[in-house]
Amino acid sequence: MSTLLSLKKVNLNYQAGKATIKVLQDITLKTNNKETISIVGESGSGKTSLIMLIGGLEKATSGTIFFRDYEITRLSEDEVSNIRRKHIGIIFQSFYLIPNYTAVENVTLTLELNKFNNPQKQAKELLDRFGLKHRFNNLPSQLSGGEQQRVAIARSIALRPELILADEPTGNLDSENSKMIADILFNYVKDEGTSLIIVTHDVKLANRAKRKIKIKDGKIV
């Protein structure tokens, strides 16, 4: 298997006045193509910060992060944004759907902005795949939490990323919807040969990944 991600001695610090807050310390990690990984740990341990670094939404204080042959720690924000758009899909705990856009329009917009052919047709196919054919024309306020998260997932994978980063994707959902979202994610990555890194407090969800990484006090333990 080829290496997808490589992090070496990555640190993330924040300044709070004169104090330095060490969020992540000496993170060294390699992941392979088509691998599923869960990241677990207590609140405040640095799980979400690690996802943000991998996705290029935060910049490491020191250390190196490679995505394929791209050393994203050395690239400009625009260059990292371009890599993220083409190769990485990010799913958050909050859905961040555009409130005055229908389910189809939320997914279509991503495809249109990236100049895909027949964007609405592709959006409908994805939503149909996730059991939302009857919700194409509903606004987010007319959807349940589980349905909104399915739309958010469809939007995040619309560009067919190599890597999906999911930060507590079931955190706002009940047990039934949590299982449905987990099934959708793991079935998708299996069918499409995509890699998945998922941050979760849900033990059952974490155990579905091939590899589990625990973070404590900003370090992999």
N, C-alpha and C. Protein backbone atom coordinates (compact mmCIF):
# COMPACT_ATOMS: atom_id res chain seq x y z
N MET A 1 0.84 -1.21 0.00
CA MET A 1 0.00 0.00 0.00
C MET A 1 0.87 1.26 0.00
N SER A 2 0.44 2.27 -0.69
CA SER A 2 1.21 3.51 -0.74
C SER A 2 0.83 4.42 0.43
N THR A 3 1.79 5.23 0.86
CA THR A 3 1.56 6.16 1.96
C THR A 3 0.69 7.32 1.48
N LEU A 4 -0.34 7.62 2.24
CA LEU A 4 -1.22 8.75 1.91
C LEU A 4 -0.82 9.98 2.72
N LEU A 5 -0.65 9.79 4.02
CA LEU A 5 -0.31 10.89 4.92
C LEU A 5 0.95 10.54 5.71
N SER A 6 1.77 11.53 5.95
CA SER A 6 2.95 11.33 6.79
C SER A 6 3.17 12.58 7.64
N LEU A 7 3.08 12.42 8.94
CA LEU A 7 3.32 13.50 9.88
C LEU A 7 4.57 13.15 10.69
N LYS A 8 5.47 14.11 10.81
CA LYS A 8 6.71 13.85 11.54
C LYS A 8 6.98 14.98 12.53
N LYS A 9 6.99 14.60 13.81
CA LYS A 9 7.29 15.53 14.90
C LYS A 9 6.51 16.84 14.79
N VAL A 10 5.20 16.70 14.61
CA VAL A 10 4.33 17.86 14.43
C VAL A 10 3.90 18.43 15.79
N ASN A 11 4.07 19.72 15.92
CA ASN A 11 3.65 20.44 17.14
C ASN A 11 2.69 21.56 16.76
N LEU A 12 1.73 21.79 17.65
CA LEU A 12 0.81 22.91 17.48
C LEU A 12 0.70 23.64 18.81
N ASN A 13 1.13 24.90 18.81
CA ASN A 13 1.07 25.72 20.03
C ASN A 13 0.23 26.97 19.79
N TYR A 14 -0.39 27.45 20.87
CA TYR A 14 -1.09 28.72 20.84
C TYR A 14 -0.50 29.62 21.91
N GLN A 15 -0.48 30.91 21.63
CA GLN A 15 -0.03 31.88 22.62
C GLN A 15 -1.24 32.49 23.33
N ALA A 16 -1.23 32.46 24.63
CA ALA A 16 -2.25 33.11 25.44
C ALA A 16 -1.53 34.11 26.34
N GLY A 17 -1.38 35.33 25.84
CA GLY A 17 -0.56 36.31 26.54
C GLY A 17 0.89 35.86 26.48
N LYS A 18 1.51 35.71 27.63
CA LYS A 18 2.90 35.26 27.67
C LYS A 18 3.01 33.74 27.77
N ALA A 19 1.87 33.10 27.99
CA ALA A 19 1.87 31.64 28.16
C ALA A 19 1.77 30.93 26.81
N THR A 20 2.44 29.80 26.68
CA THR A 20 2.36 28.95 25.50
C THR A 20 1.53 27.72 25.82
N ILE A 21 0.44 27.53 25.07
CA ILE A 21 -0.41 26.35 25.26
C ILE A 21 -0.02 25.31 24.22
N LYS A 22 0.45 24.18 24.69
CA LYS A 22 0.86 23.10 23.80
C LYS A 22 -0.34 22.20 23.50
N VAL A 23 -0.87 22.33 22.29
CA VAL A 23 -2.07 21.59 21.90
C VAL A 23 -1.70 20.19 21.40
N LEU A 24 -0.71 20.11 20.53
CA LEU A 24 -0.22 18.83 20.02
C LEU A 24 1.30 18.79 20.16
N GLN A 25 1.82 17.63 20.56
CA GLN A 25 3.25 17.53 20.82
C GLN A 25 3.87 16.32 20.11
N ASP A 26 4.82 16.60 19.25
CA ASP A 26 5.63 15.55 18.60
C ASP A 26 4.77 14.43 17.99
N ILE A 27 3.77 14.83 17.22
CA ILE A 27 2.90 13.84 16.57
C ILE A 27 3.62 13.26 15.36
N THR A 28 3.87 11.97 15.38
CA THR A 28 4.44 11.26 14.24
C THR A 28 3.48 10.14 13.85
N LEU A 29 3.08 10.14 12.59
CA LEU A 29 2.02 9.24 12.16
C LEU A 29 2.10 9.02 10.65
N LYS A 30 1.90 7.78 10.22
CA LYS A 30 1.78 7.47 8.80
C LYS A 30 0.48 6.73 8.56
N THR A 31 -0.20 7.08 7.46
CA THR A 31 -1.40 6.35 7.08
C THR A 31 -1.27 5.92 5.63
N ASN A 32 -1.90 4.81 5.32
CA ASN A 32 -1.85 4.26 3.97
C ASN A 32 -3.11 4.58 3.18
N ASN A 33 -3.00 4.45 1.89
CA ASN A 33 -4.16 4.58 1.02
C ASN A 33 -5.21 3.52 1.39
N LYS A 34 -6.47 3.90 1.35
CA LYS A 34 -7.62 3.01 1.61
C LYS A 34 -7.69 2.53 3.06
N GLU A 35 -7.04 3.25 3.96
CA GLU A 35 -7.05 2.86 5.37
C GLU A 35 -8.17 3.59 6.11
N THR A 36 -8.77 2.90 7.11
CA THR A 36 -9.76 3.55 7.97
C THR A 36 -9.17 3.64 9.38
N ILE A 37 -9.18 4.85 9.93
CA ILE A 37 -8.55 5.12 11.23
C ILE A 37 -9.52 5.91 12.09
N SER A 38 -9.62 5.52 13.36
CA SER A 38 -10.38 6.33 14.31
C SER A 38 -9.41 6.98 15.28
N ILE A 39 -9.73 8.20 15.68
CA ILE A 39 -8.93 8.93 16.66
C ILE A 39 -9.81 9.16 17.89
N VAL A 40 -9.34 8.65 19.02
CA VAL A 40 -10.14 8.74 20.25
C VAL A 40 -9.32 9.44 21.33
N GLY A 41 -10.04 9.89 22.36
CA GLY A 41 -9.39 10.58 23.47
C GLY A 41 -10.39 11.50 24.15
N GLU A 42 -10.02 11.98 25.31
CA GLU A 42 -10.91 12.85 26.07
C GLU A 42 -11.07 14.20 25.38
N SER A 43 -12.13 14.92 25.74
CA SER A 43 -12.33 16.27 25.22
C SER A 43 -11.13 17.14 25.59
N GLY A 44 -10.64 17.90 24.62
CA GLY A 44 -9.49 18.76 24.86
C GLY A 44 -8.15 18.07 24.69
N SER A 45 -8.16 16.82 24.24
CA SER A 45 -6.90 16.08 24.11
C SER A 45 -6.14 16.45 22.84
N GLY A 46 -6.84 17.09 21.88
CA GLY A 46 -6.17 17.51 20.64
C GLY A 46 -6.65 16.79 19.40
N LYS A 47 -7.71 16.00 19.52
CA LYS A 47 -8.20 15.20 18.38
C LYS A 47 -8.63 16.08 17.21
N THR A 48 -9.47 17.05 17.49
CA THR A 48 -9.97 17.93 16.43
C THR A 48 -8.83 18.76 15.84
N SER A 49 -7.90 19.19 16.68
CA SER A 49 -6.75 19.96 16.18
C SER A 49 -5.94 19.14 15.18
N LEU A 50 -5.80 17.85 15.44
CA LEU A 50 -5.06 16.98 14.52
C LEU A 50 -5.77 16.90 13.18
N ILE A 51 -7.09 16.75 13.21
CA ILE A 51 -7.88 16.73 11.97
C ILE A 51 -7.71 18.04 11.21
N MET A 52 -7.73 19.16 11.94
CA MET A 52 -7.60 20.48 11.31
C MET A 52 -6.24 20.64 10.66
N LEU A 53 -5.19 20.11 11.28
CA LEU A 53 -3.85 20.17 10.70
C LEU A 53 -3.77 19.34 9.43
N ILE A 54 -4.30 18.12 9.49
CA ILE A 54 -4.26 17.22 8.33
C ILE A 54 -5.02 17.84 7.16
N GLY A 55 -6.14 18.49 7.47
CA GLY A 55 -6.96 19.11 6.42
C GLY A 55 -6.44 20.46 5.97
N GLY A 56 -5.35 20.93 6.58
CA GLY A 56 -4.79 22.22 6.19
C GLY A 56 -5.58 23.41 6.66
N LEU A 57 -6.45 23.21 7.65
CA LEU A 57 -7.25 24.31 8.19
C LEU A 57 -6.54 24.99 9.36
N GLU A 58 -5.51 24.35 9.88
CA GLU A 58 -4.61 24.92 10.88
C GLU A 58 -3.19 24.75 10.35
N LYS A 59 -2.29 25.60 10.79
CA LYS A 59 -0.89 25.49 10.38
C LYS A 59 -0.05 25.04 11.57
N ALA A 60 0.75 24.01 11.36
CA ALA A 60 1.59 23.48 12.43
C ALA A 60 2.62 24.51 12.87
N THR A 61 2.92 24.50 14.17
CA THR A 61 3.97 25.36 14.71
C THR A 61 5.33 24.87 14.26
N SER A 62 5.49 23.54 14.24
CA SER A 62 6.73 22.93 13.74
C SER A 62 6.44 21.50 13.30
N GLY A 63 7.41 20.91 12.61
CA GLY A 63 7.23 19.57 12.09
C GLY A 63 6.78 19.58 10.64
N THR A 64 6.63 18.41 10.04
CA THR A 64 6.25 18.31 8.63
C THR A 64 5.01 17.44 8.46
N ILE A 65 4.18 17.83 7.52
CA ILE A 65 3.00 17.05 7.14
C ILE A 65 3.03 16.89 5.62
N PHE A 66 3.06 15.65 5.17
CA PHE A 66 2.97 15.35 3.75
C PHE A 66 1.63 14.72 3.44
N PHE A 67 0.99 15.19 2.37
CA PHE A 67 -0.15 14.50 1.78
C PHE A 67 0.31 14.07 0.38
N ARG A 68 0.43 12.76 0.19
CA ARG A 68 1.10 12.25 -1.01
C ARG A 68 2.49 12.90 -1.09
N ASP A 69 2.80 13.56 -2.19
CA ASP A 69 4.12 14.19 -2.34
C ASP A 69 4.09 15.68 -2.00
N TYR A 70 2.94 16.15 -1.50
CA TYR A 70 2.82 17.58 -1.17
C TYR A 70 3.18 17.80 0.30
N GLU A 71 4.19 18.63 0.54
CA GLU A 71 4.52 19.00 1.91
C GLU A 71 3.66 20.21 2.28
N ILE A 72 2.50 19.92 2.86
CA ILE A 72 1.52 20.99 3.05
C ILE A 72 1.97 22.00 4.11
N THR A 73 2.91 21.62 4.96
CA THR A 73 3.41 22.57 5.96
C THR A 73 4.26 23.67 5.33
N ARG A 74 4.66 23.49 4.07
CA ARG A 74 5.49 24.50 3.39
C ARG A 74 4.70 25.31 2.35
N LEU A 75 3.46 24.91 2.10
CA LEU A 75 2.70 25.53 1.03
C LEU A 75 1.94 26.76 1.52
N SER A 76 1.56 27.60 0.58
CA SER A 76 0.74 28.77 0.90
C SER A 76 -0.70 28.33 1.18
N GLU A 77 -1.49 29.22 1.76
CA GLU A 77 -2.90 28.91 2.06
C GLU A 77 -3.65 28.55 0.78
N ASP A 78 -3.40 29.28 -0.30
CA ASP A 78 -4.09 29.00 -1.56
C ASP A 78 -3.72 27.62 -2.11
N GLU A 79 -2.44 27.26 -2.00
CA GLU A 79 -1.99 25.96 -2.48
C GLU A 79 -2.59 24.82 -1.65
N VAL A 80 -2.64 25.01 -0.34
CA VAL A 80 -3.24 24.01 0.54
C VAL A 80 -4.73 23.89 0.26
N SER A 81 -5.38 25.02 0.05
CA SER A 81 -6.81 25.03 -0.26
C SER A 81 -7.10 24.26 -1.54
N ASN A 82 -6.23 24.40 -2.52
CA ASN A 82 -6.40 23.70 -3.79
C ASN A 82 -6.27 22.19 -3.60
N ILE A 83 -5.30 21.76 -2.80
CA ILE A 83 -5.13 20.33 -2.51
C ILE A 83 -6.35 19.80 -1.76
N ARG A 84 -6.80 20.56 -0.77
CA ARG A 84 -7.96 20.14 0.02
C ARG A 84 -9.19 19.99 -0.87
N ARG A 85 -9.40 20.95 -1.75
CA ARG A 85 -10.57 20.91 -2.62
C ARG A 85 -10.56 19.69 -3.53
N LYS A 86 -9.38 19.33 -4.03
CA LYS A 86 -9.28 18.23 -4.99
C LYS A 86 -9.21 16.85 -4.33
N HIS A 87 -8.66 16.79 -3.11
CA HIS A 87 -8.31 15.47 -2.56
C HIS A 87 -8.93 15.13 -1.21
N ILE A 88 -9.43 16.12 -0.47
CA ILE A 88 -9.86 15.88 0.91
C ILE A 88 -11.29 16.37 1.13
N GLY A 89 -12.11 15.51 1.71
CA GLY A 89 -13.47 15.89 2.09
C GLY A 89 -13.55 15.96 3.60
N ILE A 90 -14.16 17.02 4.14
CA ILE A 90 -14.23 17.20 5.59
C ILE A 90 -15.69 17.24 6.05
N ILE A 91 -15.98 16.43 7.06
CA ILE A 91 -17.32 16.36 7.65
C ILE A 91 -17.21 16.82 9.10
N PHE A 92 -18.05 17.78 9.49
CA PHE A 92 -18.01 18.32 10.84
C PHE A 92 -19.21 17.82 11.66
N GLN A 93 -19.13 18.01 12.96
CA GLN A 93 -20.24 17.66 13.84
C GLN A 93 -21.45 18.54 13.53
N SER A 94 -21.21 19.83 13.33
CA SER A 94 -22.27 20.75 12.87
C SER A 94 -22.34 20.65 11.35
N PHE A 95 -23.53 20.77 10.81
CA PHE A 95 -23.73 20.42 9.40
C PHE A 95 -23.29 21.53 8.43
N TYR A 96 -23.40 22.79 8.84
CA TYR A 96 -22.97 23.94 8.03
C TYR A 96 -23.61 23.94 6.63
N LEU A 97 -24.88 23.56 6.55
CA LEU A 97 -25.59 23.65 5.28
C LEU A 97 -26.05 25.09 5.06
N ILE A 98 -26.17 25.48 3.80
CA ILE A 98 -26.68 26.83 3.49
C ILE A 98 -28.19 26.82 3.73
N PRO A 99 -28.68 27.61 4.68
CA PRO A 99 -30.07 27.46 5.13
C PRO A 99 -31.14 27.73 4.08
N ASN A 100 -30.85 28.62 3.12
CA ASN A 100 -31.88 28.94 2.11
C ASN A 100 -31.68 28.16 0.80
N TYR A 101 -30.85 27.13 0.84
CA TYR A 101 -30.66 26.23 -0.30
C TYR A 101 -31.28 24.87 0.02
N THR A 102 -31.90 24.26 -0.96
CA THR A 102 -32.45 22.92 -0.77
C THR A 102 -31.31 21.91 -0.64
N ALA A 103 -31.69 20.67 -0.31
CA ALA A 103 -30.68 19.60 -0.20
C ALA A 103 -29.90 19.46 -1.50
N VAL A 104 -30.60 19.42 -2.62
CA VAL A 104 -29.94 19.29 -3.92
C VAL A 104 -29.05 20.49 -4.19
N GLU A 105 -29.54 21.69 -3.89
CA GLU A 105 -28.76 22.90 -4.17
C GLU A 105 -27.49 22.95 -3.32
N ASN A 106 -27.55 22.48 -2.07
CA ASN A 106 -26.37 22.46 -1.21
C ASN A 106 -25.26 21.61 -1.80
N VAL A 107 -25.63 20.46 -2.37
CA VAL A 107 -24.64 19.57 -2.95
C VAL A 107 -24.23 20.04 -4.35
N THR A 108 -25.20 20.52 -5.11
CA THR A 108 -24.94 20.99 -6.47
C THR A 108 -23.93 22.14 -6.49
N LEU A 109 -24.04 23.05 -5.53
CA LEU A 109 -23.18 24.23 -5.50
C LEU A 109 -21.70 23.84 -5.49
N THR A 110 -21.35 22.85 -4.68
CA THR A 110 -19.96 22.39 -4.61
C THR A 110 -19.49 21.91 -5.98
N LEU A 111 -20.33 21.16 -6.66
CA LEU A 111 -19.98 20.63 -7.98
C LEU A 111 -19.89 21.75 -9.02
N GLU A 112 -20.81 22.70 -8.95
CA GLU A 112 -20.81 23.82 -9.90
C GLU A 112 -19.54 24.66 -9.75
N LEU A 113 -19.17 24.96 -8.49
CA LEU A 113 -17.99 25.78 -8.24
C LEU A 113 -16.71 25.13 -8.75
N ASN A 114 -16.75 23.80 -8.83
CA ASN A 114 -15.57 23.07 -9.31
C ASN A 114 -15.75 22.57 -10.75
N LYS A 115 -16.75 23.18 -11.44
CA LYS A 115 -16.94 22.99 -12.88
C LYS A 115 -17.13 21.53 -13.30
N PHE A 116 -17.89 20.78 -12.49
CA PHE A 116 -18.25 19.41 -12.86
C PHE A 116 -19.40 19.45 -13.88
N ASN A 117 -19.42 18.48 -14.77
CA ASN A 117 -20.51 18.36 -15.73
C ASN A 117 -21.77 17.83 -15.05
N ASN A 118 -22.92 18.31 -15.47
CA ASN A 118 -24.21 17.86 -14.94
C ASN A 118 -24.22 17.84 -13.41
N PRO A 119 -23.91 18.97 -12.77
CA PRO A 119 -23.79 18.98 -11.31
C PRO A 119 -25.07 18.57 -10.58
N GLN A 120 -26.22 19.02 -11.08
CA GLN A 120 -27.46 18.67 -10.38
C GLN A 120 -27.75 17.18 -10.49
N LYS A 121 -27.47 16.59 -11.64
CA LYS A 121 -27.68 15.15 -11.82
C LYS A 121 -26.79 14.36 -10.85
N GLN A 122 -25.53 14.77 -10.72
CA GLN A 122 -24.62 14.08 -9.81
C GLN A 122 -25.04 14.26 -8.35
N ALA A 123 -25.52 15.46 -8.02
CA ALA A 123 -25.98 15.72 -6.66
C ALA A 123 -27.17 14.82 -6.31
N LYS A 124 -28.10 14.70 -7.24
CA LYS A 124 -29.28 13.87 -7.01
C LYS A 124 -28.89 12.39 -6.87
N GLU A 125 -27.93 11.95 -7.66
CA GLU A 125 -27.48 10.55 -7.57
C GLU A 125 -26.88 10.25 -6.20
N LEU A 126 -26.09 11.20 -5.69
CA LEU A 126 -25.48 11.01 -4.37
C LEU A 126 -26.54 11.00 -3.27
N LEU A 127 -27.45 11.95 -3.31
CA LEU A 127 -28.49 12.02 -2.29
C LEU A 127 -29.39 10.79 -2.35
N ASP A 128 -29.68 10.33 -3.54
CA ASP A 128 -30.48 9.11 -3.71
C ASP A 128 -29.74 7.92 -3.09
N ARG A 129 -28.44 7.86 -3.32
CA ARG A 129 -27.61 6.79 -2.76
C ARG A 129 -27.69 6.76 -1.24
N PHE A 130 -27.87 7.94 -0.63
CA PHE A 130 -27.93 8.05 0.83
C PHE A 130 -29.37 8.08 1.35
N GLY A 131 -30.31 7.65 0.51
CA GLY A 131 -31.70 7.52 0.94
C GLY A 131 -32.46 8.81 1.08
N LEU A 132 -32.10 9.81 0.28
CA LEU A 132 -32.74 11.13 0.40
C LEU A 132 -33.46 11.57 -0.87
N LYS A 133 -33.88 10.61 -1.68
CA LYS A 133 -34.57 10.95 -2.93
C LYS A 133 -35.83 11.78 -2.66
N HIS A 134 -36.49 11.49 -1.55
CA HIS A 134 -37.74 12.19 -1.21
C HIS A 134 -37.48 13.55 -0.56
N ARG A 135 -36.20 13.93 -0.41
CA ARG A 135 -35.86 15.18 0.26
C ARG A 135 -35.11 16.16 -0.63
N PHE A 136 -35.04 15.89 -1.92
CA PHE A 136 -34.27 16.75 -2.83
C PHE A 136 -34.58 18.23 -2.64
N ASN A 137 -35.84 18.58 -2.54
CA ASN A 137 -36.26 19.99 -2.58
C ASN A 137 -36.59 20.56 -1.21
N ASN A 138 -36.17 19.86 -0.15
CA ASN A 138 -36.39 20.36 1.20
C ASN A 138 -35.23 21.24 1.65
N LEU A 139 -35.56 22.29 2.40
CA LEU A 139 -34.55 23.14 3.02
C LEU A 139 -34.00 22.43 4.26
N PRO A 140 -32.79 22.81 4.72
CA PRO A 140 -32.24 22.18 5.92
C PRO A 140 -33.18 22.22 7.12
N SER A 141 -33.92 23.32 7.28
CA SER A 141 -34.85 23.44 8.42
C SER A 141 -35.99 22.43 8.34
N GLN A 142 -36.20 21.84 7.18
CA GLN A 142 -37.26 20.84 6.99
C GLN A 142 -36.73 19.41 7.08
N LEU A 143 -35.44 19.28 7.43
CA LEU A 143 -34.81 17.97 7.52
C LEU A 143 -34.48 17.63 8.97
N SER A 144 -34.49 16.34 9.28
CA SER A 144 -34.06 15.90 10.61
C SER A 144 -32.54 16.03 10.71
N GLY A 145 -32.00 15.87 11.92
CA GLY A 145 -30.56 15.95 12.10
C GLY A 145 -29.82 14.91 11.28
N GLY A 146 -30.34 13.69 11.27
CA GLY A 146 -29.72 12.63 10.47
C GLY A 146 -29.73 12.93 8.99
N GLU A 147 -30.84 13.50 8.53
CA GLU A 147 -30.95 13.86 7.11
C GLU A 147 -30.00 14.99 6.75
N GLN A 148 -29.89 15.97 7.64
CA GLN A 148 -28.95 17.08 7.39
C GLN A 148 -27.52 16.57 7.31
N GLN A 149 -27.17 15.64 8.19
CA GLN A 149 -25.80 15.11 8.16
C GLN A 149 -25.56 14.31 6.88
N ARG A 150 -26.57 13.61 6.39
CA ARG A 150 -26.41 12.88 5.13
C ARG A 150 -26.19 13.84 3.96
N VAL A 151 -26.90 14.97 3.98
CA VAL A 151 -26.67 16.00 2.94
C VAL A 151 -25.25 16.54 3.06
N ALA A 152 -24.81 16.79 4.30
CA ALA A 152 -23.46 17.32 4.53
C ALA A 152 -22.41 16.33 4.04
N ILE A 153 -22.64 15.05 4.26
CA ILE A 153 -21.70 14.02 3.79
C ILE A 153 -21.68 14.00 2.27
N ALA A 154 -22.85 14.04 1.67
CA ALA A 154 -22.93 14.04 0.19
C ALA A 154 -22.16 15.23 -0.37
N ARG A 155 -22.30 16.38 0.26
CA ARG A 155 -21.58 17.58 -0.20
C ARG A 155 -20.07 17.41 -0.05
N SER A 156 -19.64 16.81 1.05
CA SER A 156 -18.20 16.69 1.32
C SER A 156 -17.52 15.68 0.41
N ILE A 157 -18.28 14.69 -0.10
CA ILE A 157 -17.66 13.67 -0.95
C ILE A 157 -18.02 13.85 -2.42
N ALA A 158 -18.73 14.94 -2.72
CA ALA A 158 -19.19 15.16 -4.10
C ALA A 158 -18.04 15.21 -5.10
N LEU A 159 -16.88 15.68 -4.65
CA LEU A 159 -15.73 15.80 -5.56
C LEU A 159 -14.88 14.53 -5.56
N ARG A 160 -15.37 13.48 -4.92
CA ARG A 160 -14.71 12.17 -4.85
C ARG A 160 -13.29 12.28 -4.29
N PRO A 161 -13.17 12.71 -3.04
CA PRO A 161 -11.86 12.88 -2.42
C PRO A 161 -11.17 11.54 -2.15
N GLU A 162 -9.85 11.59 -2.07
CA GLU A 162 -9.09 10.40 -1.69
C GLU A 162 -9.17 10.15 -0.19
N LEU A 163 -9.35 11.22 0.57
CA LEU A 163 -9.36 11.13 2.02
C LEU A 163 -10.58 11.86 2.57
N ILE A 164 -11.29 11.20 3.48
CA ILE A 164 -12.41 11.83 4.19
C ILE A 164 -11.99 12.02 5.65
N LEU A 165 -12.10 13.24 6.13
CA LEU A 165 -11.85 13.57 7.53
C LEU A 165 -13.20 13.85 8.18
N ALA A 166 -13.52 13.11 9.23
CA ALA A 166 -14.82 13.28 9.89
C ALA A 166 -14.60 13.59 11.37
N ASP A 167 -15.06 14.76 11.79
CA ASP A 167 -14.88 15.20 13.17
C ASP A 167 -16.21 15.05 13.92
N GLU A 168 -16.32 14.01 14.72
CA GLU A 168 -17.54 13.72 15.49
C GLU A 168 -18.79 13.79 14.60
N PRO A 169 -18.82 13.02 13.51
CA PRO A 169 -19.95 13.14 12.58
C PRO A 169 -21.29 12.68 13.15
N THR A 170 -21.25 11.92 14.26
CA THR A 170 -22.50 11.46 14.87
C THR A 170 -22.74 12.14 16.22
N GLY A 171 -21.93 13.14 16.53
CA GLY A 171 -21.99 13.77 17.86
C GLY A 171 -23.31 14.41 18.20
N ASN A 172 -24.05 14.89 17.20
CA ASN A 172 -25.33 15.56 17.46
C ASN A 172 -26.54 14.67 17.18
N LEU A 173 -26.31 13.35 17.00
CA LEU A 173 -27.37 12.46 16.55
C LEU A 173 -27.73 11.41 17.59
N ASP A 174 -28.97 10.90 17.50
CA ASP A 174 -29.37 9.81 18.38
C ASP A 174 -28.75 8.50 17.89
N SER A 175 -28.94 7.42 18.64
CA SER A 175 -28.26 6.16 18.34
C SER A 175 -28.66 5.58 16.99
N GLU A 176 -29.92 5.70 16.63
CA GLU A 176 -30.38 5.16 15.34
C GLU A 176 -29.74 5.89 14.17
N ASN A 177 -29.75 7.21 14.24
CA ASN A 177 -29.14 8.00 13.16
C ASN A 177 -27.61 7.87 13.17
N SER A 178 -27.04 7.70 14.35
CA SER A 178 -25.59 7.51 14.44
C SER A 178 -25.17 6.26 13.69
N LYS A 179 -25.92 5.18 13.88
CA LYS A 179 -25.59 3.93 13.19
C LYS A 179 -25.75 4.09 11.68
N MET A 180 -26.81 4.81 11.27
CA MET A 180 -27.04 5.03 9.85
C MET A 180 -25.89 5.81 9.21
N ILE A 181 -25.45 6.86 9.88
CA ILE A 181 -24.34 7.66 9.37
C ILE A 181 -23.06 6.84 9.31
N ALA A 182 -22.81 6.04 10.35
CA ALA A 182 -21.62 5.18 10.37
C ALA A 182 -21.66 4.19 9.20
N ASP A 183 -22.83 3.60 8.96
CA ASP A 183 -22.98 2.65 7.85
C ASP A 183 -22.69 3.33 6.52
N ILE A 184 -23.24 4.53 6.34
CA ILE A 184 -23.05 5.28 5.10
C ILE A 184 -21.56 5.54 4.87
N LEU A 185 -20.87 6.01 5.90
CA LEU A 185 -19.45 6.35 5.76
C LEU A 185 -18.60 5.12 5.45
N PHE A 186 -18.77 4.07 6.23
CA PHE A 186 -17.92 2.90 6.06
C PHE A 186 -18.26 2.13 4.79
N ASN A 187 -19.52 2.11 4.41
CA ASN A 187 -19.87 1.47 3.13
C ASN A 187 -19.31 2.26 1.95
N TYR A 188 -19.36 3.59 2.08
CA TYR A 188 -18.85 4.42 0.99
C TYR A 188 -17.35 4.22 0.79
N VAL A 189 -16.58 4.28 1.89
CA VAL A 189 -15.12 4.15 1.74
C VAL A 189 -14.74 2.76 1.24
N LYS A 190 -15.52 1.76 1.62
CA LYS A 190 -15.25 0.40 1.13
C LYS A 190 -15.54 0.31 -0.36
N ASP A 191 -16.67 0.85 -0.78
CA ASP A 191 -17.08 0.78 -2.19
C ASP A 191 -16.16 1.59 -3.10
N GLU A 192 -15.71 2.76 -2.61
CA GLU A 192 -14.96 3.69 -3.45
C GLU A 192 -13.44 3.61 -3.26
N GLY A 193 -12.99 2.82 -2.29
CA GLY A 193 -11.55 2.72 -2.06
C GLY A 193 -10.96 4.00 -1.51
N THR A 194 -11.73 4.69 -0.67
CA THR A 194 -11.32 5.96 -0.09
C THR A 194 -10.74 5.74 1.30
N SER A 195 -9.89 6.64 1.76
CA SER A 195 -9.38 6.59 3.13
C SER A 195 -10.28 7.41 4.05
N LEU A 196 -10.35 6.99 5.31
CA LEU A 196 -11.20 7.68 6.29
C LEU A 196 -10.45 7.84 7.60
N ILE A 197 -10.43 9.06 8.12
CA ILE A 197 -9.95 9.32 9.47
C ILE A 197 -11.10 9.96 10.23
N ILE A 198 -11.50 9.33 11.32
CA ILE A 198 -12.71 9.77 12.01
C ILE A 198 -12.42 10.01 13.49
N VAL A 199 -12.75 11.21 13.97
CA VAL A 199 -12.66 11.54 15.38
C VAL A 199 -14.01 11.23 16.02
N THR A 200 -13.99 10.49 17.13
CA THR A 200 -15.27 10.13 17.73
C THR A 200 -15.11 9.78 19.21
N HIS A 201 -16.19 10.01 19.97
CA HIS A 201 -16.29 9.53 21.34
C HIS A 201 -17.07 8.21 21.38
N ASP A 202 -17.67 7.85 20.25
CA ASP A 202 -18.52 6.66 20.16
C ASP A 202 -17.64 5.42 20.02
N VAL A 203 -17.64 4.57 21.04
CA VAL A 203 -16.77 3.39 21.06
C VAL A 203 -17.09 2.45 19.90
N LYS A 204 -18.38 2.23 19.64
CA LYS A 204 -18.78 1.33 18.56
C LYS A 204 -18.29 1.85 17.21
N LEU A 205 -18.42 3.14 17.02
CA LEU A 205 -17.97 3.76 15.76
C LEU A 205 -16.45 3.65 15.64
N ALA A 206 -15.75 3.95 16.71
CA ALA A 206 -14.28 3.88 16.70
C ALA A 206 -13.79 2.47 16.37
N ASN A 207 -14.49 1.47 16.90
CA ASN A 207 -14.07 0.08 16.70
C ASN A 207 -14.29 -0.43 15.28
N ARG A 208 -15.06 0.30 14.49
CA ARG A 208 -15.29 -0.12 13.11
C ARG A 208 -14.10 0.19 12.21
N ALA A 209 -13.24 1.10 12.65
CA ALA A 209 -12.04 1.43 11.87
C ALA A 209 -11.00 0.32 12.01
N LYS A 210 -10.17 0.17 11.00
CA LYS A 210 -9.12 -0.85 11.01
C LYS A 210 -8.05 -0.54 12.05
N ARG A 211 -7.83 0.75 12.30
CA ARG A 211 -6.79 1.16 13.25
C ARG A 211 -7.35 2.24 14.16
N LYS A 212 -7.04 2.14 15.44
CA LYS A 212 -7.49 3.13 16.41
C LYS A 212 -6.29 3.83 17.02
N ILE A 213 -6.32 5.15 17.05
CA ILE A 213 -5.23 5.95 17.62
C ILE A 213 -5.80 6.74 18.80
N LYS A 214 -5.13 6.65 19.92
CA LYS A 214 -5.56 7.38 21.11
C LYS A 214 -4.65 8.57 21.36
N ILE A 215 -5.26 9.70 21.62
CA ILE A 215 -4.50 10.91 21.94
C ILE A 215 -4.81 11.32 23.37
N LYS A 216 -3.77 11.63 24.11
CA LYS A 216 -3.93 12.12 25.49
C LYS A 216 -2.97 13.28 25.70
N ASP A 217 -3.52 14.39 26.17
CA ASP A 217 -2.71 15.59 26.44
C ASP A 217 -1.84 15.99 25.24
N GLY A 218 -2.42 15.88 24.05
CA GLY A 218 -1.72 16.33 22.85
C GLY A 218 -0.70 15.37 22.29
N LYS A 219 -0.64 14.16 22.85
CA LYS A 219 0.33 13.16 22.37
C LYS A 219 -0.38 11.86 21.99
N ILE A 220 0.18 11.16 21.00
CA ILE A 220 -0.32 9.83 20.67
C ILE A 220 0.22 8.85 21.72
N VAL A 221 -0.69 8.10 22.32
CA VAL A 221 -0.27 7.16 23.37
C VAL A 221 -0.58 5.73 22.95
